[in-house]
Every structure is written in C-alpha cells, then in structure tokens.
Amino acid sequence: MSTQVTKSIIPSSTVTRDLRDLDKKTDNIYESLVVISKRANQIAVDLKEELNGKLAEFATTNDNLEEVFENREQIEISKHYERLPKPTLVAMDDFLNDKVYFRNPSKEKEEE
C-alpha cells in the first residue's frame, strides 16, 4: 500500500492553525489530536516501508565500480523522501479535508 503524498497541496513547513477548526469534527481537541497522530503514524510507517523497499533494491554483497552510481541513486531517492511533507502535516490536511475515517466506540455506546 503506497501512501500518495501530493507535495504541491500540503505545505512543507509549519502552519499556524486555529484550534477551533480542529475540534469541529469531534467536539474535543484532544480526540482530534489523537486521530491526527494515529493517521500521522500510519503515513510514517507506509513511507518508511516504501523507502526501505526502494533502497533494498540496491543491497548487494559485491564491491564493484557500479556502487558509486548506485549510491547516487540511493541519495536521490533519499532526498526525494526528505523533501516530502512531514507525516504530521499530511495527517492534519487529511483530517481537515475529511479524508480520514474515524469513530469513537465509547461515544457510540453512550448514544445507544
């Protein structure tokens, strides 16, 4: 499962947020932060697996002249992932734009 991160839409630096925007969907700022943090962890794990998979293609036990070229490719791949927005920013964007499904079972029990 590949996490698609669109660099142009999500800012790559810190953005000041209005806390009132964060608790609109859950009525609780802390619950919203838990949802965002869990989503950020999912994104981080997916990106790490994807990066490790790409870098594993370069794993060799032989020392040869092609290693220099492969190292450049590895560096370029690593730089690409470093330039992507951080998982917390992607998770925040997903949450604010209703791209995350979440539920609270304890709230569902109370409503019944």
N, C-alpha and C. Protein backbone atom coordinates (compact mmCIF):
# COMPACT_ATOMS: atom_id res chain seq x y z
N MET A 1 0.85 -1.17 0.00
CA MET A 1 0.00 0.00 0.00
C MET A 1 0.89 1.23 0.00
N SER A 2 0.79 2.03 -0.99
CA SER A 2 1.62 3.23 -1.12
C SER A 2 0.82 4.45 -0.70
N THR A 3 1.43 5.26 0.11
CA THR A 3 0.80 6.49 0.54
C THR A 3 1.14 7.56 -0.47
N GLN A 4 0.15 8.13 -1.08
CA GLN A 4 0.39 9.17 -2.06
C GLN A 4 0.40 10.52 -1.36
N VAL A 5 1.52 11.19 -1.44
CA VAL A 5 1.66 12.50 -0.82
C VAL A 5 1.82 13.51 -1.95
N THR A 6 0.92 14.45 -2.03
CA THR A 6 0.99 15.49 -3.04
C THR A 6 1.70 16.69 -2.45
N LYS A 7 2.91 16.91 -2.92
CA LYS A 7 3.76 17.94 -2.34
C LYS A 7 3.21 19.34 -2.58
N SER A 8 2.59 19.59 -3.71
CA SER A 8 2.17 20.94 -4.06
C SER A 8 1.00 21.43 -3.21
N ILE A 9 0.17 20.53 -2.72
CA ILE A 9 -1.01 20.93 -1.96
C ILE A 9 -0.69 21.16 -0.49
N ILE A 10 0.11 20.31 0.07
CA ILE A 10 0.40 20.35 1.50
C ILE A 10 1.66 21.17 1.75
N PRO A 11 1.58 22.16 2.63
CA PRO A 11 2.78 22.97 2.90
C PRO A 11 3.87 22.12 3.55
N SER A 12 5.11 22.43 3.23
CA SER A 12 6.22 21.65 3.78
C SER A 12 6.78 22.27 5.05
N SER A 13 6.21 23.37 5.47
CA SER A 13 6.67 24.00 6.71
C SER A 13 5.51 24.10 7.70
N THR A 14 5.81 24.53 8.88
CA THR A 14 4.81 24.63 9.93
C THR A 14 3.79 25.72 9.60
N VAL A 15 2.54 25.41 9.88
CA VAL A 15 1.45 26.35 9.62
C VAL A 15 0.72 26.59 10.93
N THR A 16 0.41 27.84 11.20
CA THR A 16 -0.37 28.16 12.39
C THR A 16 -1.82 27.78 12.15
N ARG A 17 -2.38 27.05 13.10
CA ARG A 17 -3.77 26.56 12.95
C ARG A 17 -4.66 27.17 14.01
N ASP A 18 -5.91 27.33 13.67
CA ASP A 18 -6.91 27.77 14.64
C ASP A 18 -7.46 26.52 15.33
N LEU A 19 -7.31 26.44 16.62
CA LEU A 19 -7.75 25.26 17.36
C LEU A 19 -9.23 24.98 17.21
N ARG A 20 -10.01 26.01 16.97
CA ARG A 20 -11.45 25.81 16.79
C ARG A 20 -11.76 25.01 15.54
N ASP A 21 -10.86 25.07 14.54
CA ASP A 21 -11.06 24.26 13.33
C ASP A 21 -10.82 22.79 13.61
N LEU A 22 -9.95 22.50 14.56
CA LEU A 22 -9.59 21.12 14.84
C LEU A 22 -10.66 20.36 15.62
N ASP A 23 -11.39 21.04 16.47
CA ASP A 23 -12.36 20.30 17.28
C ASP A 23 -13.78 20.33 16.72
N LYS A 24 -13.97 20.85 15.53
CA LYS A 24 -15.31 20.90 14.93
C LYS A 24 -15.87 19.50 14.66
N LYS A 25 -15.02 18.60 14.23
CA LYS A 25 -15.49 17.27 13.84
C LYS A 25 -15.70 16.33 15.02
N THR A 26 -14.99 16.56 16.11
CA THR A 26 -15.06 15.65 17.25
C THR A 26 -15.63 16.29 18.51
N ASP A 27 -15.72 17.60 18.54
CA ASP A 27 -16.14 18.36 19.72
C ASP A 27 -15.15 18.21 20.88
N ASN A 28 -13.94 17.78 20.57
CA ASN A 28 -12.93 17.60 21.61
C ASN A 28 -11.56 17.71 20.94
N ILE A 29 -10.80 18.73 21.32
CA ILE A 29 -9.49 18.97 20.71
C ILE A 29 -8.55 17.78 20.91
N TYR A 30 -8.60 17.16 22.06
CA TYR A 30 -7.71 16.03 22.36
C TYR A 30 -8.04 14.81 21.51
N GLU A 31 -9.32 14.58 21.30
CA GLU A 31 -9.73 13.47 20.44
C GLU A 31 -9.27 13.72 19.00
N SER A 32 -9.40 14.96 18.56
CA SER A 32 -8.93 15.31 17.22
C SER A 32 -7.44 15.07 17.08
N LEU A 33 -6.68 15.46 18.10
CA LEU A 33 -5.23 15.27 18.07
C LEU A 33 -4.85 13.79 18.06
N VAL A 34 -5.62 12.97 18.74
CA VAL A 34 -5.37 11.53 18.73
C VAL A 34 -5.60 10.98 17.32
N VAL A 35 -6.67 11.39 16.68
CA VAL A 35 -6.97 10.93 15.33
C VAL A 35 -5.84 11.36 14.38
N ILE A 36 -5.43 12.61 14.49
CA ILE A 36 -4.36 13.13 13.63
C ILE A 36 -3.05 12.40 13.88
N SER A 37 -2.73 12.15 15.14
CA SER A 37 -1.46 11.48 15.45
C SER A 37 -1.47 10.03 14.97
N LYS A 38 -2.60 9.35 15.10
CA LYS A 38 -2.67 7.97 14.61
C LYS A 38 -2.54 7.94 13.09
N ARG A 39 -3.15 8.89 12.42
CA ARG A 39 -3.02 8.96 10.95
C ARG A 39 -1.58 9.27 10.57
N ALA A 40 -0.92 10.17 11.30
CA ALA A 40 0.47 10.50 11.02
C ALA A 40 1.36 9.27 11.18
N ASN A 41 1.09 8.47 12.19
CA ASN A 41 1.86 7.23 12.38
C ASN A 41 1.65 6.27 11.22
N GLN A 42 0.42 6.15 10.74
CA GLN A 42 0.14 5.28 9.58
C GLN A 42 0.93 5.76 8.36
N ILE A 43 0.90 7.05 8.12
CA ILE A 43 1.61 7.61 6.97
C ILE A 43 3.11 7.39 7.10
N ALA A 44 3.65 7.63 8.29
CA ALA A 44 5.08 7.46 8.51
C ALA A 44 5.52 6.02 8.28
N VAL A 45 4.73 5.07 8.76
CA VAL A 45 5.05 3.65 8.57
C VAL A 45 5.01 3.30 7.08
N ASP A 46 3.98 3.76 6.37
CA ASP A 46 3.86 3.49 4.94
C ASP A 46 5.05 4.07 4.16
N LEU A 47 5.41 5.32 4.49
CA LEU A 47 6.53 5.94 3.79
C LEU A 47 7.84 5.22 4.09
N LYS A 48 8.02 4.81 5.33
CA LYS A 48 9.25 4.10 5.71
C LYS A 48 9.35 2.77 4.98
N GLU A 49 8.25 2.03 4.92
CA GLU A 49 8.24 0.75 4.20
C GLU A 49 8.52 0.96 2.71
N GLU A 50 7.92 1.99 2.15
CA GLU A 50 8.13 2.29 0.74
C GLU A 50 9.59 2.65 0.47
N LEU A 51 10.17 3.50 1.31
CA LEU A 51 11.57 3.89 1.16
C LEU A 51 12.50 2.70 1.34
N ASN A 52 12.27 1.91 2.38
CA ASN A 52 13.11 0.73 2.61
C ASN A 52 13.02 -0.26 1.45
N GLY A 53 11.84 -0.40 0.87
CA GLY A 53 11.68 -1.28 -0.28
C GLY A 53 12.49 -0.80 -1.48
N LYS A 54 12.47 0.50 -1.71
CA LYS A 54 13.23 1.05 -2.83
C LYS A 54 14.73 0.94 -2.58
N LEU A 55 15.15 1.20 -1.35
CA LEU A 55 16.58 1.11 -1.03
C LEU A 55 17.07 -0.33 -0.98
N ALA A 56 16.18 -1.27 -0.68
CA ALA A 56 16.57 -2.68 -0.63
C ALA A 56 16.96 -3.20 -2.01
N GLU A 57 16.44 -2.57 -3.05
CA GLU A 57 16.80 -2.97 -4.40
C GLU A 57 18.29 -2.78 -4.67
N PHE A 58 18.92 -1.88 -3.92
CA PHE A 58 20.33 -1.58 -4.12
C PHE A 58 21.26 -2.45 -3.27
N ALA A 59 20.69 -3.24 -2.37
CA ALA A 59 21.51 -4.05 -1.47
C ALA A 59 22.26 -5.11 -2.25
N THR A 60 23.59 -5.07 -2.14
CA THR A 60 24.44 -6.07 -2.79
C THR A 60 25.55 -6.47 -1.83
N THR A 61 26.12 -7.62 -2.09
CA THR A 61 27.26 -8.07 -1.29
C THR A 61 28.56 -7.90 -2.06
N ASN A 62 28.47 -7.48 -3.32
CA ASN A 62 29.66 -7.33 -4.15
C ASN A 62 30.17 -5.89 -4.09
N ASP A 63 31.48 -5.74 -4.07
CA ASP A 63 32.08 -4.41 -4.18
C ASP A 63 32.54 -4.25 -5.62
N ASN A 64 31.96 -3.28 -6.30
CA ASN A 64 32.35 -3.05 -7.68
C ASN A 64 32.22 -1.58 -8.04
N LEU A 65 32.54 -1.24 -9.26
CA LEU A 65 32.51 0.15 -9.69
C LEU A 65 31.09 0.70 -9.82
N GLU A 66 30.11 -0.17 -9.96
CA GLU A 66 28.73 0.28 -10.09
C GLU A 66 28.18 0.83 -8.77
N GLU A 67 28.86 0.55 -7.66
CA GLU A 67 28.38 1.04 -6.36
C GLU A 67 28.31 2.55 -6.31
N VAL A 68 29.25 3.23 -6.93
CA VAL A 68 29.24 4.69 -6.90
C VAL A 68 27.98 5.22 -7.56
N PHE A 69 27.62 4.64 -8.71
CA PHE A 69 26.40 5.06 -9.40
C PHE A 69 25.17 4.71 -8.56
N GLU A 70 25.15 3.53 -7.96
CA GLU A 70 24.02 3.12 -7.14
C GLU A 70 23.90 4.02 -5.92
N ASN A 71 25.01 4.42 -5.34
CA ASN A 71 24.96 5.31 -4.18
C ASN A 71 24.32 6.64 -4.56
N ARG A 72 24.63 7.13 -5.75
CA ARG A 72 24.00 8.38 -6.20
C ARG A 72 22.49 8.20 -6.31
N GLU A 73 22.07 7.07 -6.87
CA GLU A 73 20.63 6.81 -6.98
C GLU A 73 19.99 6.70 -5.60
N GLN A 74 20.67 6.05 -4.67
CA GLN A 74 20.14 5.93 -3.31
C GLN A 74 20.01 7.32 -2.67
N ILE A 75 21.00 8.15 -2.89
CA ILE A 75 20.98 9.51 -2.32
C ILE A 75 19.82 10.29 -2.92
N GLU A 76 19.60 10.17 -4.22
CA GLU A 76 18.49 10.89 -4.86
C GLU A 76 17.14 10.41 -4.33
N ILE A 77 17.00 9.11 -4.15
CA ILE A 77 15.76 8.57 -3.60
C ILE A 77 15.55 9.10 -2.18
N SER A 78 16.60 9.08 -1.38
CA SER A 78 16.51 9.57 0.00
C SER A 78 16.16 11.05 0.02
N LYS A 79 16.77 11.84 -0.84
CA LYS A 79 16.48 13.28 -0.90
C LYS A 79 15.02 13.52 -1.28
N HIS A 80 14.52 12.71 -2.21
CA HIS A 80 13.11 12.85 -2.61
C HIS A 80 12.20 12.68 -1.40
N TYR A 81 12.45 11.66 -0.59
CA TYR A 81 11.62 11.41 0.58
C TYR A 81 11.80 12.49 1.65
N GLU A 82 13.00 13.06 1.73
CA GLU A 82 13.23 14.14 2.69
C GLU A 82 12.46 15.40 2.31
N ARG A 83 12.25 15.63 1.02
CA ARG A 83 11.54 16.82 0.56
C ARG A 83 10.03 16.71 0.69
N LEU A 84 9.53 15.51 0.88
CA LEU A 84 8.08 15.33 1.04
C LEU A 84 7.62 16.00 2.34
N PRO A 85 6.36 16.42 2.37
CA PRO A 85 5.83 16.99 3.62
C PRO A 85 5.87 15.96 4.74
N LYS A 86 6.06 16.43 5.94
CA LYS A 86 6.13 15.53 7.10
C LYS A 86 4.77 14.85 7.31
N PRO A 87 4.79 13.63 7.84
CA PRO A 87 3.55 12.89 8.05
C PRO A 87 2.52 13.64 8.90
N THR A 88 2.96 14.43 9.86
CA THR A 88 2.01 15.18 10.68
C THR A 88 1.27 16.23 9.86
N LEU A 89 1.96 16.86 8.91
CA LEU A 89 1.30 17.86 8.06
C LEU A 89 0.31 17.19 7.11
N VAL A 90 0.68 16.02 6.60
CA VAL A 90 -0.22 15.29 5.71
C VAL A 90 -1.45 14.83 6.49
N ALA A 91 -1.23 14.32 7.71
CA ALA A 91 -2.34 13.86 8.55
C ALA A 91 -3.27 15.02 8.91
N MET A 92 -2.71 16.17 9.21
CA MET A 92 -3.52 17.34 9.53
C MET A 92 -4.37 17.73 8.33
N ASP A 93 -3.78 17.72 7.15
CA ASP A 93 -4.51 18.05 5.93
C ASP A 93 -5.62 17.03 5.68
N ASP A 94 -5.30 15.75 5.85
CA ASP A 94 -6.31 14.70 5.68
C ASP A 94 -7.48 14.91 6.64
N PHE A 95 -7.19 15.22 7.88
CA PHE A 95 -8.24 15.40 8.89
C PHE A 95 -9.12 16.61 8.56
N LEU A 96 -8.48 17.73 8.22
CA LEU A 96 -9.24 18.95 7.96
C LEU A 96 -10.05 18.87 6.67
N ASN A 97 -9.64 18.02 5.74
CA ASN A 97 -10.34 17.89 4.47
C ASN A 97 -11.18 16.61 4.38
N ASP A 98 -11.52 16.05 5.52
CA ASP A 98 -12.40 14.88 5.61
C ASP A 98 -11.90 13.69 4.78
N LYS A 99 -10.61 13.44 4.80
CA LYS A 99 -10.03 12.31 4.08
C LYS A 99 -9.73 11.15 5.03
N VAL A 100 -10.09 11.32 6.31
CA VAL A 100 -9.82 10.30 7.33
C VAL A 100 -11.13 9.81 7.91
N TYR A 101 -11.30 8.50 7.94
CA TYR A 101 -12.46 7.92 8.61
C TYR A 101 -12.04 7.58 10.03
N PHE A 102 -12.82 8.01 10.99
CA PHE A 102 -12.55 7.68 12.38
C PHE A 102 -13.87 7.53 13.12
N ARG A 103 -13.82 6.80 14.20
CA ARG A 103 -15.00 6.65 15.04
C ARG A 103 -14.54 6.44 16.46
N ASN A 104 -15.42 6.72 17.39
CA ASN A 104 -15.13 6.55 18.81
C ASN A 104 -16.15 5.57 19.39
N PRO A 105 -15.75 4.32 19.61
CA PRO A 105 -16.70 3.31 20.11
C PRO A 105 -17.34 3.69 21.45
N SER A 106 -16.61 4.37 22.32
CA SER A 106 -17.20 4.74 23.62
C SER A 106 -18.32 5.76 23.43
N LYS A 107 -18.20 6.66 22.49
CA LYS A 107 -19.28 7.61 22.21
C LYS A 107 -20.48 6.91 21.60
N GLU A 108 -20.21 5.90 20.77
CA GLU A 108 -21.30 5.16 20.14
C GLU A 108 -22.11 4.40 21.19
N LYS A 109 -21.44 3.87 22.21
CA LYS A 109 -22.14 3.16 23.29
C LYS A 109 -23.02 4.12 24.09
N GLU A 110 -22.50 5.32 24.35
CA GLU A 110 -23.26 6.31 25.10
C GLU A 110 -24.53 6.73 24.38
N GLU A 111 -24.47 6.79 23.07
CA GLU A 111 -25.62 7.23 22.27
C GLU A 111 -26.72 6.20 22.20
N GLU A 112 -26.37 4.92 22.44
CA GLU A 112 -27.38 3.85 22.34
C GLU A 112 -28.29 3.80 23.52
